[in-house]
PDB file of N, CA and C in Angstrom:
ATOM      1  N   UNK A   1      14.052  32.169  20.487  1.00  0.00           N
ATOM      2  CA  UNK A   1      13.902  33.301  19.324  1.00  0.00           C
ATOM      3  C   UNK A   1      14.595  33.056  17.949  1.00  0.00           C
ATOM      4  N   UNK A   2      14.027  33.291  17.368  1.00  0.00           N
ATOM      5  CA  UNK A   2      14.431  32.812  15.721  1.00  0.00           C
ATOM      6  C   UNK A   2      15.285  33.818  15.102  1.00  0.00           C
ATOM      7  N   UNK A   3      16.177  33.622  14.757  1.00  0.00           N
ATOM      8  CA  UNK A   3      17.645  34.444  14.150  1.00  0.00           C
ATOM      9  C   UNK A   3      17.800  34.340  12.552  1.00  0.00           C
ATOM     10  N   UNK A   4      17.442  33.225  12.256  1.00  0.00           N
ATOM     11  CA  UNK A   4      17.386  32.724  10.644  1.00  0.00           C
ATOM     12  C   UNK A   4      16.275  31.945  10.062  1.00  0.00           C
ATOM     13  N   UNK A   5      15.769  32.741   9.208  1.00  0.00           N
ATOM     14  CA  UNK A   5      14.431  31.791   8.941  1.00  0.00           C
ATOM     15  C   UNK A   5      14.448  31.820   7.270  1.00  0.00           C
ATOM     16  N   UNK A   6      13.665  30.895   6.431  1.00  0.00           N
ATOM     17  CA  UNK A   6      13.765  31.117   5.280  1.00  0.00           C
ATOM     18  C   UNK A   6      11.955  31.525   5.146  1.00  0.00           C
ATOM     19  N   UNK A   7      11.350  32.211   4.421  1.00  0.00           N
ATOM     20  CA  UNK A   7      10.582  32.923   3.677  1.00  0.00           C
ATOM     21  C   UNK A   7      10.384  33.117   2.125  1.00  0.00           C
ATOM     22  N   UNK A   8       9.515  32.933   1.977  1.00  0.00           N
ATOM     23  CA  UNK A   8       8.760  32.981   0.179  1.00  0.00           C
ATOM     24  C   UNK A   8      10.478  32.643  -0.306  1.00  0.00           C
ATOM     25  N   UNK A   9      10.604  31.550  -0.572  1.00  0.00           N
ATOM     26  CA  UNK A   9      11.983  30.976  -1.130  1.00  0.00           C
ATOM     27  C   UNK A   9      13.591  31.678  -0.867  1.00  0.00           C
ATOM     28  N   UNK A  10      13.565  32.723   0.075  1.00  0.00           N
ATOM     29  CA  UNK A  10      14.552  33.439   0.593  1.00  0.00           C
ATOM     30  C   UNK A  10      14.801  33.166   2.172  1.00  0.00           C
ATOM     31  N   UNK A  11      16.639  33.294   2.467  1.00  0.00           N
ATOM     32  CA  UNK A  11      17.054  33.443   3.604  1.00  0.00           C
ATOM     33  C   UNK A  11      17.174  34.525   3.816  1.00  0.00           C
ATOM     34  N   UNK A  12      16.656  34.790   5.369  1.00  0.00           N
ATOM     35  CA  UNK A  12      16.742  36.062   6.372  1.00  0.00           C
ATOM     36  C   UNK A  12      17.502  35.868   7.287  1.00  0.00           C
ATOM     37  N   UNK A  13      17.623  36.958   8.030  1.00  0.00           N
ATOM     38  CA  UNK A  13      18.266  36.840   9.541  1.00  0.00           C
ATOM     39  C   UNK A  13      18.544  38.193  10.135  1.00  0.00           C
ATOM     40  N   UNK A  14      18.350  38.290  11.619  1.00  0.00           N
ATOM     41  CA  UNK A  14      18.163  39.480  11.896  1.00  0.00           C
ATOM     42  C   UNK A  14      19.529  39.696  13.252  1.00  0.00           C
ATOM     43  N   UNK A  15      19.508  40.753  13.343  1.00  0.00           N
ATOM     44  CA  UNK A  15      20.343  41.205  14.135  1.00  0.00           C
ATOM     45  C   UNK A  15      19.828  42.158  15.611  1.00  0.00           C
ATOM     46  N   UNK A  16      18.570  42.740  15.300  1.00  0.00           N
ATOM     47  CA  UNK A  16      17.787  43.221  16.116  1.00  0.00           C
ATOM     48  C   UNK A  16      16.728  42.343  17.056  1.00  0.00           C
ATOM     49  N   UNK A  17      16.848  42.354  18.230  1.00  0.00           N
ATOM     50  CA  UNK A  17      15.585  41.085  18.874  1.00  0.00           C
ATOM     51  C   UNK A  17      14.414  42.261  19.247  1.00  0.00           C
ATOM     52  N   UNK A  18      14.502  43.471  19.372  1.00  0.00           N
ATOM     53  CA  UNK A  18      13.558  44.180  19.518  1.00  0.00           C
ATOM     54  C   UNK A  18      12.080  44.220  18.042  1.00  0.00           C
ATOM     55  N   UNK A  19      12.982  44.333  17.149  1.00  0.00           N
ATOM     56  CA  UNK A  19      12.062  44.292  16.465  1.00  0.00           C
ATOM     57  C   UNK A  19      11.803  43.079  15.502  1.00  0.00           C
ATOM     58  N   UNK A  20      11.021  43.221  14.737  1.00  0.00           N
ATOM     59  CA  UNK A  20      11.027  42.349  13.437  1.00  0.00           C
ATOM     60  C   UNK A  20      11.817  42.836  12.146  1.00  0.00           C
ATOM     61  N   UNK A  21      12.936  42.767  12.100  1.00  0.00           N
ATOM     62  CA  UNK A  21      13.245  43.585  11.021  1.00  0.00           C
ATOM     63  C   UNK A  21      14.401  42.446  10.944  1.00  0.00           C
ATOM     64  N   UNK A  22      14.019  42.169   9.219  1.00  0.00           N
ATOM     65  CA  UNK A  22      14.878  40.758   8.748  1.00  0.00           C
ATOM     66  C   UNK A  22      15.616  41.522   7.588  1.00  0.00           C
ATOM     67  N   UNK A  23      16.431  40.993   7.493  1.00  0.00           N
ATOM     68  CA  UNK A  23      17.431  41.340   6.293  1.00  0.00           C
ATOM     69  C   UNK A  23      18.014  40.268   5.701  1.00  0.00           C
ATOM     70  N   UNK A  24      18.083  40.676   4.357  1.00  0.00           N
ATOM     71  CA  UNK A  24      18.051  39.568   3.347  1.00  0.00           C
ATOM     72  C   UNK A  24      19.641  38.964   3.356  1.00  0.00           C
ATOM     73  N   UNK A  25      19.646  37.395   3.260  1.00  0.00           N
ATOM     74  CA  UNK A  25      20.718  36.670   3.507  1.00  0.00           C
ATOM     75  C   UNK A  25      21.888  37.088   2.772  1.00  0.00           C
ATOM     76  N   UNK A  26      21.385  38.145   1.442  1.00  0.00           N
ATOM     77  CA  UNK A  26      22.729  38.184   0.597  1.00  0.00           C
ATOM     78  C   UNK A  26      23.720  39.121   1.142  1.00  0.00           C
ATOM     79  N   UNK A  27      23.298  39.992   2.307  1.00  0.00           N
ATOM     80  CA  UNK A  27      23.846  41.312   2.983  1.00  0.00           C
ATOM     81  C   UNK A  27      24.891  40.791   4.185  1.00  0.00           C
ATOM     82  N   UNK A  28      24.607  39.257   4.509  1.00  0.00           N
ATOM     83  CA  UNK A  28      25.486  39.388   5.682  1.00  0.00           C
ATOM     84  C   UNK A  28      26.988  39.172   5.600  1.00  0.00           C
ATOM     85  N   UNK A  29      27.997  39.857   6.601  1.00  0.00           N
ATOM     86  CA  UNK A  29      28.985  39.832   6.559  1.00  0.00           C
ATOM     87  C   UNK A  29      29.957  39.129   7.907  1.00  0.00           C
ATOM     88  N   UNK A  30      30.989  39.707   7.743  1.00  0.00           N
ATOM     89  CA  UNK A  30      31.631  38.780   8.798  1.00  0.00           C
ATOM     90  C   UNK A  30      31.375  39.256   9.979  1.00  0.00           C
ATOM     91  N   UNK A  31      31.002  40.695  10.315  1.00  0.00           N
ATOM     92  CA  UNK A  31      30.528  41.083  11.740  1.00  0.00           C
ATOM     93  C   UNK A  31      28.892  40.739  12.239  1.00  0.00           C
ATOM     94  N   UNK A  32      28.547  40.527  11.138  1.00  0.00           N
ATOM     95  CA  UNK A  32      26.798  39.879  11.058  1.00  0.00           C
ATOM     96  C   UNK A  32      27.047  38.513  11.788  1.00  0.00           C
ATOM     97  N   UNK A  33      28.179  37.742  11.022  1.00  0.00           N
ATOM     98  CA  UNK A  33      28.213  36.305  11.599  1.00  0.00           C
ATOM     99  C   UNK A  33      28.434  36.501  13.472  1.00  0.00           C
ATOM    100  N   UNK A  34      29.605  36.996  13.666  1.00  0.00           N
ATOM    101  CA  UNK A  34      29.966  37.298  14.645  1.00  0.00           C
ATOM    102  C   UNK A  34      28.721  37.790  16.010  1.00  0.00           C
ATOM    103  N   UNK A  35      27.668  38.855  15.309  1.00  0.00           N
ATOM    104  CA  UNK A  35      26.665  39.057  16.453  1.00  0.00           C
ATOM    105  C   UNK A  35      25.813  38.028  16.294  1.00  0.00           C
ATOM    106  N   UNK A  36      25.937  36.948  15.425  1.00  0.00           N
ATOM    107  CA  UNK A  36      24.610  36.051  15.460  1.00  0.00           C
ATOM    108  C   UNK A  36      25.211  34.738  16.016  1.00  0.00           C
ATOM    109  N   UNK A  37      26.717  34.392  16.185  1.00  0.00           N
ATOM    110  CA  UNK A  37      27.653  33.943  16.866  1.00  0.00           C
ATOM    111  C   UNK A  37      27.017  33.863  18.534  1.00  0.00           C
ATOM    112  N   UNK A  38      27.221  35.147  19.010  1.00  0.00           N
ATOM    113  CA  UNK A  38      27.057  35.882  20.327  1.00  0.00           C
ATOM    114  C   UNK A  38      26.037  35.620  20.458  1.00  0.00           C
ATOM    115  N   UNK A  39      24.920  36.015  20.138  1.00  0.00           N
ATOM    116  CA  UNK A  39      23.234  35.318  20.404  1.00  0.00           C
ATOM    117  C   UNK A  39      23.123  33.752  20.268  1.00  0.00           C
ATOM    118  N   UNK A  40      23.468  33.075  19.329  1.00  0.00           N
ATOM    119  CA  UNK A  40      23.898  31.650  19.428  1.00  0.00           C
ATOM    120  C   UNK A  40      24.345  30.720  20.873  1.00  0.00           C
ATOM    121  N   UNK A  41      25.573  31.668  21.519  1.00  0.00           N
ATOM    122  CA  UNK A  41      25.945  31.405  22.778  1.00  0.00           C
ATOM    123  C   UNK A  41      25.124  31.694  23.743  1.00  0.00           C
ATOM    124  N   UNK A  42      23.969  32.326  23.502  1.00  0.00           N
ATOM    125  CA  UNK A  42      22.917  32.607  24.410  1.00  0.00           C
ATOM    126  C   UNK A  42      22.005  31.336  24.435  1.00  0.00           C
ATOM    127  N   UNK A  43      21.141  31.341  25.844  1.00  0.00           N
ATOM    128  CA  UNK A  43      20.124  30.453  25.756  1.00  0.00           C
ATOM    129  C   UNK A  43      19.223  30.285  24.691  1.00  0.00           C
ATOM    130  N   UNK A  44      18.869  31.001  24.194  1.00  0.00           N
ATOM    131  CA  UNK A  44      17.592  31.213  23.311  1.00  0.00           C
ATOM    132  C   UNK A  44      17.632  31.469  21.932  1.00  0.00           C
ATOM    133  N   UNK A  45      18.679  30.847  20.842  1.00  0.00           N
ATOM    134  CA  UNK A  45      18.820  30.805  19.660  1.00  0.00           C
ATOM    135  C   UNK A  45      18.260  29.801  18.781  1.00  0.00           C
ATOM    136  N   UNK A  46      17.367  30.253  17.930  1.00  0.00           N
ATOM    137  CA  UNK A  46      16.502  29.416  16.792  1.00  0.00           C
ATOM    138  C   UNK A  46      16.800  29.669  15.757  1.00  0.00           C
ATOM    139  N   UNK A  47      16.622  28.968  14.771  1.00  0.00           N
ATOM    140  CA  UNK A  47      16.838  28.901  13.151  1.00  0.00           C
ATOM    141  C   UNK A  47      15.886  28.033  12.518  1.00  0.00           C
ATOM    142  N   UNK A  48      15.579  28.458  11.322  1.00  0.00           N
ATOM    143  CA  UNK A  48      14.444  27.324  10.292  1.00  0.00           C
ATOM    144  C   UNK A  48      15.551  26.434  10.131  1.00  0.00           C
ATOM    145  N   UNK A  49      14.936  25.388   9.946  1.00  0.00           N
ATOM    146  CA  UNK A  49      16.000  24.078   9.106  1.00  0.00           C
ATOM    147  C   UNK A  49      16.244  24.400   7.822  1.00  0.00           C
ATOM    148  N   UNK A  50      17.259  23.976   7.338  1.00  0.00           N
ATOM    149  CA  UNK A  50      17.682  24.083   5.999  1.00  0.00           C
ATOM    150  C   UNK A  50      16.876  22.772   5.107  1.00  0.00           C
ATOM    151  N   UNK A  51      16.238  23.635   4.336  1.00  0.00           N
ATOM    152  CA  UNK A  51      15.977  22.355   2.997  1.00  0.00           C
ATOM    153  C   UNK A  51      16.102  23.057   1.818  1.00  0.00           C
ATOM    154  N   UNK A  52      16.392  22.591   0.830  1.00  0.00           N
ATOM    155  CA  UNK A  52      16.945  22.478  -0.044  1.00  0.00           C
ATOM    156  C   UNK A  52      15.885  23.267  -0.885  1.00  0.00           C
ATOM    157  N   UNK A  53      15.054  22.305  -1.087  1.00  0.00           N
ATOM    158  CA  UNK A  53      13.527  22.913  -1.697  1.00  0.00           C
ATOM    159  C   UNK A  53      12.864  24.253  -1.506  1.00  0.00           C
ATOM    160  N   UNK A  54      13.147  24.858  -0.323  1.00  0.00           N
ATOM    161  CA  UNK A  54      12.240  25.784   0.717  1.00  0.00           C
ATOM    162  C   UNK A  54      13.394  27.293   0.063  1.00  0.00           C
ATOM    163  N   UNK A  55      14.564  27.306  -0.843  1.00  0.00           N
ATOM    164  CA  UNK A  55      15.180  28.231  -0.870  1.00  0.00           C
ATOM    165  C   UNK A  55      15.588  28.087  -2.833  1.00  0.00           C
ATOM    166  N   UNK A  56      14.783  28.824  -3.317  1.00  0.00           N
ATOM    167  CA  UNK A  56      14.880  28.729  -4.756  1.00  0.00           C
ATOM    168  C   UNK A  56      15.985  29.655  -5.271  1.00  0.00           C
ATOM    169  N   UNK A  57      16.306  30.677  -4.452  1.00  0.00           N
ATOM    170  CA  UNK A  57      17.524  31.451  -5.036  1.00  0.00           C
ATOM    171  C   UNK A  57      18.654  30.824  -4.656  1.00  0.00           C
ATOM    172  N   UNK A  58      19.533  30.454  -5.990  1.00  0.00           N
ATOM    173  CA  UNK A  58      20.848  29.519  -5.559  1.00  0.00           C
ATOM    174  C   UNK A  58      21.772  30.396  -4.371  1.00  0.00           C
ATOM    175  N   UNK A  59      22.161  31.767  -4.554  1.00  0.00           N
ATOM    176  CA  UNK A  59      22.863  32.365  -3.586  1.00  0.00           C
ATOM    177  C   UNK A  59      22.590  31.768  -2.355  1.00  0.00           C
ATOM    178  N   UNK A  60      20.887  32.264  -2.007  1.00  0.00           N
ATOM    179  CA  UNK A  60      20.431  31.748  -0.486  1.00  0.00           C
ATOM    180  C   UNK A  60      20.651  30.436  -0.056  1.00  0.00           C
ATOM    181  N   UNK A  61      20.530  29.575  -1.116  1.00  0.00           N
ATOM    182  CA  UNK A  61      20.615  28.295  -0.931  1.00  0.00           C
ATOM    183  C   UNK A  61      22.077  28.085  -0.389  1.00  0.00           C
ATOM    184  N   UNK A  62      22.719  28.469  -0.842  1.00  0.00           N
ATOM    185  CA  UNK A  62      24.075  28.230  -0.583  1.00  0.00           C
ATOM    186  C   UNK A  62      24.663  28.694   0.817  1.00  0.00           C
ATOM    187  N   UNK A  63      24.221  29.906   0.901  1.00  0.00           N
ATOM    188  CA  UNK A  63      24.647  31.298   2.322  1.00  0.00           C
ATOM    189  C   UNK A  63      24.143  30.117   3.124  1.00  0.00           C
ATOM    190  N   UNK A  64      22.745  30.078   3.157  1.00  0.00           N
ATOM    191  CA  UNK A  64      21.970  29.322   4.093  1.00  0.00           C
ATOM    192  C   UNK A  64      22.440  27.915   4.793  1.00  0.00           C
ATOM    193  N   UNK A  65      22.689  27.130   3.741  1.00  0.00           N
ATOM    194  CA  UNK A  65      23.011  26.063   3.724  1.00  0.00           C
ATOM    195  C   UNK A  65      24.603  25.978   4.625  1.00  0.00           C
ATOM    196  N   UNK A  66      25.448  26.684   4.207  1.00  0.00           N
ATOM    197  CA  UNK A  66      26.573  26.606   4.783  1.00  0.00           C
ATOM    198  C   UNK A  66      26.673  27.383   6.496  1.00  0.00           C
ATOM    199  N   UNK A  67      25.744  28.076   6.565  1.00  0.00           N
ATOM    200  CA  UNK A  67      25.418  29.277   8.034  1.00  0.00           C
ATOM    201  C   UNK A  67      25.020  28.110   9.083  1.00  0.00           C
ATOM    202  N   UNK A  68      23.918  27.442   8.646  1.00  0.00           N
ATOM    203  CA  UNK A  68      22.992  26.452   9.226  1.00  0.00           C
ATOM    204  C   UNK A  68      23.662  25.263   9.795  1.00  0.00           C
ATOM    205  N   UNK A  69      24.661  24.793   8.864  1.00  0.00           N
ATOM    206  CA  UNK A  69      25.318  23.563   9.150  1.00  0.00           C
ATOM    207  C   UNK A  69      26.562  24.116  10.341  1.00  0.00           C
ATOM    208  N   UNK A  70      27.084  25.182   9.861  1.00  0.00           N
ATOM    209  CA  UNK A  70      28.187  25.667  10.981  1.00  0.00           C
ATOM    210  C   UNK A  70      27.181  25.961  12.358  1.00  0.00           C
ATOM    211  N   UNK A  71      25.952  26.782  12.425  1.00  0.00           N
ATOM    212  CA  UNK A  71      25.442  27.387  13.722  1.00  0.00           C
ATOM    213  C   UNK A  71      25.084  25.634  14.135  1.00  0.00           C
ATOM    214  N   UNK A  72      24.438  24.904  13.449  1.00  0.00           N
ATOM    215  CA  UNK A  72      23.656  23.795  13.847  1.00  0.00           C
ATOM    216  C   UNK A  72      24.946  22.832  14.809  1.00  0.00           C
ATOM    217  N   UNK A  73      26.310  22.725  14.079  1.00  0.00           N
ATOM    218  CA  UNK A  73      27.309  21.916  14.692  1.00  0.00           C
ATOM    219  C   UNK A  73      27.974  23.076  16.042  1.00  0.00           C
ATOM    220  N   UNK A  74      27.747  24.117  16.489  1.00  0.00           N
ATOM    221  CA  UNK A  74      27.973  24.972  17.579  1.00  0.00           C
ATOM    222  C   UNK A  74      27.108  24.242  18.201  1.00  0.00           C
ATOM    223  N   UNK A  75      25.831  24.889  17.989  1.00  0.00           N
ATOM    224  CA  UNK A  75      24.773  24.957  19.271  1.00  0.00           C
ATOM    225  C   UNK A  75      24.858  23.028  19.689  1.00  0.00           C
ATOM    226  N   UNK A  76      25.025  22.241  18.885  1.00  0.00           N
ATOM    227  CA  UNK A  76      25.229  20.504  19.351  1.00  0.00           C
ATOM    228  C   UNK A  76      26.245  20.783  20.229  1.00  0.00           C
ATOM    229  N   UNK A  77      27.527  21.351  20.067  1.00  0.00           N
ATOM    230  CA  UNK A  77      28.202  21.192  20.934  1.00  0.00           C
ATOM    231  C   UNK A  77      28.787  22.055  21.938  1.00  0.00           C
ATOM    232  N   UNK A  78      27.846  23.271  21.895  1.00  0.00           N
ATOM    233  CA  UNK A  78      28.028  24.400  22.606  1.00  0.00           C
ATOM    234  C   UNK A  78      28.489  24.268  24.184  1.00  0.00           C
ATOM    235  N   UNK A  79      27.446  22.978  25.111  1.00  0.00           N
ATOM    236  CA  UNK A  79      28.051  22.979  26.409  1.00  0.00           C
ATOM    237  C   UNK A  79      29.178  22.439  26.126  1.00  0.00           C
ATOM    238  N   UNK A  80      29.686  21.105  25.637  1.00  0.00           N
ATOM    239  CA  UNK A  80      31.160  21.080  25.634  1.00  0.00           C
ATOM    240  C   UNK A  80      32.203  22.215  25.023  1.00  0.00           C
ATOM    241  N   UNK A  81      31.800  23.262  24.459  1.00  0.00           N
ATOM    242  CA  UNK A  81      32.697  24.240  24.184  1.00  0.00           C
ATOM    243  C   UNK A  81      32.717  25.312  25.478  1.00  0.00           C
ATOM    244  N   UNK A  82      31.709  25.583  26.121  1.00  0.00           N
ATOM    245  CA  UNK A  82      31.870  26.068  27.451  1.00  0.00           C
ATOM    246  C   UNK A  82      32.435  25.762  28.169  1.00  0.00           C
ATOM    247  N   UNK A  83      32.426  24.509  28.711  1.00  0.00           N
ATOM    248  CA  UNK A  83      32.920  23.785  29.736  1.00  0.00           C
ATOM    249  C   UNK A  83      34.978  23.588  29.389  1.00  0.00           C
ATOM    250  N   UNK A  84      34.938  23.620  28.183  1.00  0.00           N
ATOM    251  CA  UNK A  84      36.543  23.194  27.531  1.00  0.00           C
ATOM    252  C   UNK A  84      37.097  24.685  27.943  1.00  0.00           C
ATOM    253  N   UNK A  85      36.068  25.903  27.543  1.00  0.00           N
ATOM    254  CA  UNK A  85      36.926  27.603  27.992  1.00  0.00           C
ATOM    255  C   UNK A  85      36.951  27.496  29.369  1.00  0.00           C
ATOM    256  N   UNK A  86      35.861  27.008  30.145  1.00  0.00           N
ATOM    257  CA  UNK A  86      35.711  26.947  31.847  1.00  0.00           C
ATOM    258  C   UNK A  86      37.198  26.597  32.126  1.00  0.00           C
ATOM    259  N   UNK A  87      37.398  25.111  31.486  1.00  0.00           N
ATOM    260  CA  UNK A  87      38.466  24.660  32.084  1.00  0.00           C
ATOM    261  C   UNK A  87      39.808  25.203  31.542  1.00  0.00           C
ATOM    262  N   UNK A  88      39.723  25.805  30.475  1.00  0.00           N
ATOM    263  CA  UNK A  88      40.992  26.136  29.782  1.00  0.00           C
ATOM    264  C   UNK A  88      41.599  27.781  30.788  1.00  0.00           C
ATOM    265  N   UNK A  89      40.478  27.975  31.166  1.00  0.00           N
ATOM    266  CA  UNK A  89      40.763  29.783  32.024  1.00  0.00           C
ATOM    267  C   UNK A  89      40.546  29.309  33.725  1.00  0.00           C
ATOM    268  N   UNK A  90      40.093  28.426  34.140  1.00  0.00           N
ATOM    269  CA  UNK A  90      40.204  28.162  35.487  1.00  0.00           C
ATOM    270  C   UNK A  90      41.046  28.461  36.420  1.00  0.00           C
ATOM    271  N   UNK A  91      42.090  27.961  35.723  1.00  0.00           N
ATOM    272  CA  UNK A  91      43.730  28.200  36.724  1.00  0.00           C
ATOM    273  C   UNK A  91      43.947  29.450  36.807  1.00  0.00           C
ATOM    274  N   UNK A  92      43.640  30.179  35.601  1.00  0.00           N
ATOM    275  CA  UNK A  92      43.753  31.615  35.651  1.00  0.00           C
ATOM    276  C   UNK A  92      42.676  32.252  36.601  1.00  0.00           C
ATOM    277  N   UNK A  93      41.270  32.319  36.588  1.00  0.00           N
ATOM    278  CA  UNK A  93      40.082  32.669  37.350  1.00  0.00           C
ATOM    279  C   UNK A  93      40.498  32.636  38.675  1.00  0.00           C
ATOM    280  N   UNK A  94      41.237  31.281  38.883  1.00  0.00           N
ATOM    281  CA  UNK A  94      40.875  31.018  40.494  1.00  0.00           C
ATOM    282  C   UNK A  94      42.475  31.828  41.255  1.00  0.00           C
ATOM    283  N   UNK A  95      43.239  32.020  40.330  1.00  0.00           N
ATOM    284  CA  UNK A  95      44.219  32.599  40.611  1.00  0.00           C
ATOM    285  C   UNK A  95      43.944  34.070  40.993  1.00  0.00           C
ATOM    286  N   UNK A  96      43.504  34.876  39.855  1.00  0.00           N
ATOM    287  CA  UNK A  96      42.960  35.850  40.109  1.00  0.00           C
ATOM    288  C   UNK A  96      41.942  36.551  41.461  1.00  0.00           C
ATOM    289  N   UNK A  97      41.307  35.127  41.597  1.00  0.00           N
ATOM    290  CA  UNK A  97      40.351  35.442  42.765  1.00  0.00           C
ATOM    291  C   UNK A  97      41.010  35.382  44.314  1.00  0.00           C
ATOM    292  N   UNK A  98      41.981  34.567  44.290  1.00  0.00           N
ATOM    293  CA  UNK A  98      43.227  34.569  45.485  1.00  0.00           C
ATOM    294  C   UNK A  98      43.742  35.528  45.437  1.00  0.00           C
ATOM    295  N   UNK A  99      44.070  36.493  44.327  1.00  0.00           N
ATOM    296  CA  UNK A  99      44.901  37.562  44.478  1.00  0.00           C
ATOM    297  C   UNK A  99      43.836  38.467  45.041  1.00  0.00           C
ATOM    298  N   UNK A 100      42.705  38.844  44.893  1.00  0.00           N
ATOM    299  CA  UNK A 100      41.785  39.926  44.812  1.00  0.00           C
ATOM    300  C   UNK A 100      41.536  39.868  46.371  1.00  0.00           C
ATOM    301  N   UNK A 101      41.176  38.319  46.964  1.00  0.00           N
ATOM    302  CA  UNK A 101      40.868  38.435  48.518  1.00  0.00           C
ATOM    303  C   UNK A 101      41.953  38.685  49.495  1.00  0.00           C
ATOM    304  N   UNK A 102      43.376  39.132  48.835  1.00  0.00           N
ATOM    305  CA  UNK A 102      44.455  39.391  49.854  1.00  0.00           C
ATOM    306  C   UNK A 102      44.338  40.761  50.404  1.00  0.00           C
TER     307      UNK A 102
END
């Protein structure tokens, strides 16, 4: 499912997957980015590729370029990130499971 898109020379994002409600990229804030990151950590996260010539609005160009780069990096390293988190907490999880089984 696409969460970031370029349309009519502007960037848009969506937080509601049940409707086609797109929000102008200039409205994005920290909470919205965290919600998008949660979606990106799932399996079905897509975004339009950043292309400078498609974003004529200078603000949208800068915002989309930076968000696309960060999310692209996250998506490229998502498996390694999950493995790292699991390894970090494996000992605590195993200890908790042992305590629960007693």
